[in-house]
Protein backbone atom coordinates (compact mmCIF):
# COMPACT_ATOMS: atom_id res chain seq x y z
CA MET A 1 24.20 -1.46 21.34
CA ASP A 2 23.78 -3.06 17.91
CA VAL A 3 20.75 -2.40 15.77
CA LEU A 4 19.80 -5.09 13.28
CA LEU A 5 17.38 -3.94 10.66
CA ASP A 6 16.47 -6.04 7.64
CA ARG A 7 15.77 -3.22 5.23
CA GLU A 8 15.14 -5.60 2.36
CA ARG A 9 12.19 -7.09 4.25
CA LEU A 10 11.02 -3.58 5.10
CA ARG A 11 11.17 -2.65 1.41
CA GLU A 12 9.17 -5.76 0.53
CA ALA A 13 6.55 -4.83 3.15
CA ARG A 14 6.43 -1.27 1.78
CA ASP A 15 5.93 -2.59 -1.76
CA THR A 16 3.14 -4.88 -0.55
CA LEU A 17 1.42 -1.92 1.11
CA LYS A 18 1.73 0.09 -2.10
CA THR A 19 0.08 -2.75 -4.03
CA ALA A 20 -2.69 -3.07 -1.42
CA LYS A 21 -3.40 0.66 -1.64
CA ALA A 22 -3.66 0.46 -5.42
CA ASP A 23 -5.99 -2.53 -5.12
CA PHE A 24 -8.26 -0.60 -2.75
CA GLU A 25 -8.31 2.33 -5.19
CA ASP A 26 -9.20 0.05 -8.12
CA ALA A 27 -11.92 -1.87 -6.27
CA GLY A 28 -14.70 0.59 -7.16
CA SER A 29 -14.05 0.37 -10.90
CA ILE A 30 -13.79 -3.42 -10.65
CA ASN A 31 -17.24 -3.45 -9.08
CA ASP A 32 -18.63 -1.30 -11.90
CA THR A 33 -17.22 -3.78 -14.40
CA LEU A 34 -18.75 -6.66 -12.45
CA GLU A 35 -22.18 -5.01 -12.36
CA SER A 36 -22.03 -4.44 -16.12
CA ALA A 37 -20.97 -8.04 -16.72
CA ILE A 38 -23.86 -9.34 -14.61
CA GLY A 39 -26.40 -7.26 -16.48
CA THR A 40 -30.02 -8.34 -16.17
CA PRO A 41 -30.22 -12.04 -16.94
CA GLN A 42 -33.78 -13.03 -17.84
CA GLY A 43 -34.79 -9.42 -17.25
CA LYS A 44 -33.96 -9.60 -13.52
CA SER A 45 -31.53 -7.26 -11.81
CA LYS A 46 -31.53 -8.74 -8.29
CA LEU A 47 -27.96 -10.09 -8.44
CA ARG A 48 -26.64 -6.86 -9.98
CA ASP A 49 -28.49 -4.86 -7.31
CA ARG A 50 -26.90 -6.96 -4.55
CA VAL A 51 -23.44 -6.38 -5.98
CA GLY A 52 -24.15 -2.64 -6.04
CA TRP A 53 -25.48 -2.77 -2.49
CA PHE A 54 -22.34 -4.56 -1.32
CA GLU A 55 -20.11 -2.00 -3.05
CA SER A 56 -21.88 0.96 -1.49
CA ASN A 57 -21.73 -0.58 2.00
CA TRP A 58 -18.10 -1.67 1.64
CA SER A 59 -16.95 1.64 0.13
CA GLY A 60 -16.67 3.50 3.45
CA ASN A 61 -14.77 0.66 5.08
CA ARG A 62 -12.49 0.40 2.06
CA ASP A 63 -11.71 4.11 2.26
CA ASP A 64 -10.81 3.76 5.95
CA LEU A 65 -8.57 0.77 5.22
CA LYS A 66 -6.95 2.57 2.29
CA GLU A 67 -6.16 5.52 4.54
CA SER A 68 -4.67 3.24 7.19
CA VAL A 69 -2.56 1.43 4.61
CA GLU A 70 -1.35 4.78 3.25
CA ASN A 71 -0.37 5.95 6.75
CA VAL A 72 1.60 2.77 7.47
CA TYR A 73 3.22 3.01 4.02
CA LYS A 74 4.37 6.59 4.66
CA ARG A 75 5.80 5.75 8.08
CA LEU A 76 7.58 2.67 6.80
CA ASP A 77 8.95 4.61 3.85
CA GLY A 78 10.23 7.26 6.27
CA ILE A 79 12.01 4.62 8.36
CA ILE A 80 13.66 3.12 5.28
CA GLU A 81 14.72 6.51 3.90
CA GLY A 82 16.01 7.62 7.30
CA TRP A 83 18.18 4.53 7.70
CA ASP A 84 19.43 4.77 4.12
CA GLU A 85 20.43 8.41 4.69
CA TRP A 86 22.08 7.60 8.01
CA GLU A 87 24.03 4.74 6.44
CA ALA A 88 25.21 6.94 3.56
CA GLN A 89 26.32 9.70 5.96
CA ALA A 90 28.06 7.27 8.30
CA SER A 91 29.81 5.60 5.38
CA ALA A 92 30.94 8.96 3.99
CA GLU A 93 32.28 10.03 7.39
CA LEU A 94 34.11 6.74 7.82
CA ASP A 95 35.58 7.02 4.32
CA SER A 96 36.77 10.59 5.00
CA LYS A 97 38.38 9.56 8.30
CA GLU A 98 40.10 6.59 6.69
CA GLY A 99 41.24 8.71 3.75
CA GLY A 100 42.57 11.46 6.03
CA SER A 101 44.54 9.14 8.30
């Protein structure tokens, strides 16, 4: 049985997950920057308050998503590392058999 595995695409997916995780981690500070930028135009803070409300409600969901992304990242990284190790071992064994013959 042949196994075809496009590890380059898996690496790209892993890198995308890593970026997504970083984006989730940075989202809170981005929101703080946004709230500061909004300020209190004409002495009113309603828009800034809504942005803060959204952040506090979204924070729990973002943490759950970040955790899920991290779990998928770790599993995908394990698959890639496992195949890379297997390939290196198989190549070394093949080289030793060819060199010994």
